[in-house]
Amino acid sequence: VQLQASGGGLVQAGGSLRLSCAASGRTLSNYNMAWFRQAPGKERQFVAAISWSGETTHYADSVKGRFTISRDNAKNTAHLQMNNLKPEDTAVYYCAAGGSYAGSYHVTEPGYWGQGTLVTVSS
């Protein structure tokens, strides 16, 4: 699976962005999908995940209520709607396919990663 993330940019605090992840090579419908992020000087962290069917979602506590993950298996895409952005959301965001998730955490690592897209939130 090849994943291509897009939609990052510069936004003021309180603003919104929508990230997209497009897949090629294989259908995404067989995989859980997720978003991770890595801020400068920090470890990569889990942000959100959605089951292969779209019925179950998981969110990190830091984004719960502000971010929404979705998917469109017919279009082989996944999205992350980010609202009420904060400066601490600034990071490179990565989409990923596979892995397992529970609560607010990822349990196993995804098998496929896209390149990152940079999100910068100014105060």
C-alpha atoms as a PDB file:
ATOM      1  CA  VAL A   1       0.000   0.000   0.000  1.00  0.00           C
ATOM      2  CA  GLN A   2       1.323   3.434  -0.931  1.00  0.00           C
ATOM      3  CA  LEU A   3      -0.120   6.296   1.108  1.00  0.00           C
ATOM      4  CA  GLN A   4      -0.077   9.973   0.193  1.00  0.00           C
ATOM      5  CA  ALA A   5      -0.994  12.544   2.839  1.00  0.00           C
ATOM      6  CA  SER A   6      -1.995  16.082   1.992  1.00  0.00           C
ATOM      7  CA  GLY A   7      -3.801  19.090   3.391  1.00  0.00           C
ATOM      8  CA  GLY A   8      -1.272  20.459   5.846  1.00  0.00           C
ATOM      9  CA  GLY A   9      -0.496  24.144   6.096  1.00  0.00           C
ATOM     10  CA  LEU A  10      -0.290  27.179   8.298  1.00  0.00           C
ATOM     11  CA  VAL A  11      -3.343  28.153  10.323  1.00  0.00           C
ATOM     12  CA  GLN A  12      -4.052  30.419  13.254  1.00  0.00           C
ATOM     13  CA  ALA A  13      -5.045  29.030  16.608  1.00  0.00           C
ATOM     14  CA  GLY A  14      -8.737  28.218  16.643  1.00  0.00           C
ATOM     15  CA  GLY A  15      -8.754  27.476  12.934  1.00  0.00           C
ATOM     16  CA  SER A  16      -9.405  24.260  11.053  1.00  0.00           C
ATOM     17  CA  LEU A  17      -7.646  22.016   8.570  1.00  0.00           C
ATOM     18  CA  ARG A  18      -8.650  18.814   6.838  1.00  0.00           C
ATOM     19  CA  LEU A  19      -5.973  16.270   6.103  1.00  0.00           C
ATOM     20  CA  SER A  20      -6.443  13.633   3.443  1.00  0.00           C
ATOM     21  CA  CYS A  21      -4.743  10.319   2.854  1.00  0.00           C
ATOM     22  CA  ALA A  22      -5.003   8.677  -0.546  1.00  0.00           C
ATOM     23  CA  ALA A  23      -3.986   5.089  -1.079  1.00  0.00           C
ATOM     24  CA  SER A  24      -2.808   3.210  -4.108  1.00  0.00           C
ATOM     25  CA  GLY A  25      -1.637  -0.304  -4.697  1.00  0.00           C
ATOM     26  CA  ARG A  26      -4.208  -2.000  -2.516  1.00  0.00           C
ATOM     27  CA  THR A  27      -7.670  -1.312  -1.244  1.00  0.00           C
ATOM     28  CA  LEU A  28      -7.783   0.363   2.136  1.00  0.00           C
ATOM     29  CA  SER A  29     -10.957  -1.434   3.104  1.00  0.00           C
ATOM     30  CA  ASN A  30      -8.911  -4.295   4.541  1.00  0.00           C
ATOM     31  CA  TYR A  31      -7.041  -2.078   6.991  1.00  0.00           C
ATOM     32  CA  ASN A  32      -7.587   0.005  10.043  1.00  0.00           C
ATOM     33  CA  MET A  33      -6.440   3.543   9.233  1.00  0.00           C
ATOM     34  CA  ALA A  34      -4.726   5.965  11.557  1.00  0.00           C
ATOM     35  CA  TRP A  35      -3.067   9.318  11.894  1.00  0.00           C
ATOM     36  CA  PHE A  36       0.077   9.937  13.923  1.00  0.00           C
ATOM     37  CA  ARG A  37       2.056  13.105  14.428  1.00  0.00           C
ATOM     38  CA  GLN A  38       5.568  14.090  15.361  1.00  0.00           C
ATOM     39  CA  ALA A  39       6.458  17.487  16.716  1.00  0.00           C
ATOM     40  CA  PRO A  40      10.033  18.807  16.507  1.00  0.00           C
ATOM     41  CA  GLY A  41      12.220  17.138  19.084  1.00  0.00           C
ATOM     42  CA  LYS A  42       9.467  14.822  20.250  1.00  0.00           C
ATOM     43  CA  GLU A  43       8.524  11.215  19.693  1.00  0.00           C
ATOM     44  CA  ARG A  44       5.842  10.266  17.242  1.00  0.00           C
ATOM     45  CA  GLN A  45       2.451  10.009  18.904  1.00  0.00           C
ATOM     46  CA  PHE A  46      -0.857   8.444  18.049  1.00  0.00           C
ATOM     47  CA  VAL A  47      -3.634  10.866  17.073  1.00  0.00           C
ATOM     48  CA  ALA A  48      -6.650   8.943  15.781  1.00  0.00           C
ATOM     49  CA  ALA A  49      -7.675   5.646  14.213  1.00  0.00           C
ATOM     50  CA  ILE A  50     -10.700   4.218  12.456  1.00  0.00           C
ATOM     51  CA  SER A  51     -11.613   0.583  11.923  1.00  0.00           C
ATOM     52  CA  TRP A  52     -11.723  -0.958   8.471  1.00  0.00           C
ATOM     53  CA  SER A  53     -15.536  -0.698   8.490  1.00  0.00           C
ATOM     54  CA  GLY A  54     -15.591   2.854   9.817  1.00  0.00           C
ATOM     55  CA  GLU A  55     -17.737   1.784  12.758  1.00  0.00           C
ATOM     56  CA  THR A  56     -15.127   2.278  15.482  1.00  0.00           C
ATOM     57  CA  THR A  57     -12.875   5.248  16.118  1.00  0.00           C
ATOM     58  CA  HIS A  58     -10.149   5.970  18.647  1.00  0.00           C
ATOM     59  CA  TYR A  59      -8.672   9.313  19.620  1.00  0.00           C
ATOM     60  CA  ALA A  60      -5.798  10.498  21.727  1.00  0.00           C
ATOM     61  CA  ASP A  61      -7.059  12.396  24.756  1.00  0.00           C
ATOM     62  CA  SER A  62      -5.346  15.564  23.532  1.00  0.00           C
ATOM     63  CA  VAL A  63      -7.486  15.743  20.373  1.00  0.00           C
ATOM     64  CA  LYS A  64     -10.751  14.220  21.535  1.00  0.00           C
ATOM     65  CA  GLY A  65     -13.671  16.503  20.745  1.00  0.00           C
ATOM     66  CA  ARG A  66     -11.641  18.569  18.275  1.00  0.00           C
ATOM     67  CA  PHE A  67     -10.507  16.078  15.639  1.00  0.00           C
ATOM     68  CA  THR A  68     -12.625  13.683  13.595  1.00  0.00           C
ATOM     69  CA  ILE A  69     -11.279  10.776  11.583  1.00  0.00           C
ATOM     70  CA  SER A  70     -13.258   9.370   8.676  1.00  0.00           C
ATOM     71  CA  ARG A  71     -12.776   7.144   5.677  1.00  0.00           C
ATOM     72  CA  ASP A  72     -14.284   6.502   2.281  1.00  0.00           C
ATOM     73  CA  ASN A  73     -13.471   2.960   1.219  1.00  0.00           C
ATOM     74  CA  ALA A  74     -15.034   3.483  -2.200  1.00  0.00           C
ATOM     75  CA  LYS A  75     -12.536   6.277  -2.886  1.00  0.00           C
ATOM     76  CA  ASN A  76      -9.670   4.571  -1.026  1.00  0.00           C
ATOM     77  CA  THR A  77      -9.177   7.625   1.157  1.00  0.00           C
ATOM     78  CA  ALA A  78      -9.096   8.621   4.803  1.00  0.00           C
ATOM     79  CA  HIS A  79      -9.408  12.055   6.349  1.00  0.00           C
ATOM     80  CA  LEU A  80      -8.675  13.918   9.537  1.00  0.00           C
ATOM     81  CA  GLN A  81     -10.828  16.959  10.211  1.00  0.00           C
ATOM     82  CA  MET A  82      -9.047  19.160  12.742  1.00  0.00           C
ATOM     83  CA  ASN A  83     -10.994  21.932  14.429  1.00  0.00           C
ATOM     84  CA  ASN A  84     -10.104  24.411  17.148  1.00  0.00           C
ATOM     85  CA  LEU A  85      -6.433  23.908  16.424  1.00  0.00           C
ATOM     86  CA  LYS A  86      -3.907  24.825  19.084  1.00  0.00           C
ATOM     87  CA  PRO A  87      -0.209  25.705  18.783  1.00  0.00           C
ATOM     88  CA  GLU A  88       0.629  22.398  20.469  1.00  0.00           C
ATOM     89  CA  ASP A  89      -0.955  20.614  17.491  1.00  0.00           C
ATOM     90  CA  THR A  90       1.961  21.792  15.350  1.00  0.00           C
ATOM     91  CA  ALA A  91       3.650  18.695  13.946  1.00  0.00           C
ATOM     92  CA  VAL A  92       4.227  16.592  10.884  1.00  0.00           C
ATOM     93  CA  TYR A  93       1.156  14.405  10.479  1.00  0.00           C
ATOM     94  CA  TYR A  94       1.432  10.898   9.030  1.00  0.00           C
ATOM     95  CA  CYS A  95      -1.300   8.624   7.798  1.00  0.00           C
ATOM     96  CA  ALA A  96      -0.874   4.908   8.315  1.00  0.00           C
ATOM     97  CA  ALA A  97      -2.615   1.675   7.395  1.00  0.00           C
ATOM     98  CA  GLY A  98      -2.870  -1.337   9.629  1.00  0.00           C
ATOM     99  CA  GLY A  99      -2.084  -1.721  13.287  1.00  0.00           C
ATOM    100  CA  SER A 100      -4.501  -2.198  16.141  1.00  0.00           C
ATOM    101  CA  TYR A 101      -5.997   0.305  18.542  1.00  0.00           C
ATOM    102  CA  ALA A 102      -7.768   0.398  21.888  1.00  0.00           C
ATOM    103  CA  GLY A 103      -9.012   3.287  23.937  1.00  0.00           C
ATOM    104  CA  SER A 104      -6.774   6.257  23.306  1.00  0.00           C
ATOM    105  CA  TYR A 105      -3.731   4.260  22.241  1.00  0.00           C
ATOM    106  CA  HIS A 106      -2.303   2.224  19.457  1.00  0.00           C
ATOM    107  CA  VAL A 107      -1.557  -1.351  20.460  1.00  0.00           C
ATOM    108  CA  THR A 108       0.463  -2.556  17.493  1.00  0.00           C
ATOM    109  CA  GLU A 109       2.298  -0.566  14.875  1.00  0.00           C
ATOM    110  CA  PRO A 110       0.802   0.047  11.439  1.00  0.00           C
ATOM    111  CA  GLY A 111       2.417  -1.801   8.604  1.00  0.00           C
ATOM    112  CA  TYR A 112       2.279   1.017   6.086  1.00  0.00           C
ATOM    113  CA  TRP A 113       3.134   4.689   6.393  1.00  0.00           C
ATOM    114  CA  GLY A 114       2.700   7.678   4.158  1.00  0.00           C
ATOM    115  CA  GLN A 115       4.999  10.648   3.938  1.00  0.00           C
ATOM    116  CA  GLY A 116       4.124  13.408   6.356  1.00  0.00           C
ATOM    117  CA  THR A 117       2.298  16.656   5.860  1.00  0.00           C
ATOM    118  CA  LEU A 118       3.261  19.619   8.006  1.00  0.00           C
ATOM    119  CA  VAL A 119       0.672  21.375  10.140  1.00  0.00           C
ATOM    120  CA  THR A 120       1.726  24.648  11.742  1.00  0.00           C
ATOM    121  CA  VAL A 121      -0.591  26.430  14.167  1.00  0.00           C
ATOM    122  CA  SER A 122       0.333  29.985  15.068  1.00  0.00           C
ATOM    123  CA  SER A 123      -0.737  31.618  18.303  1.00  0.00           C
END
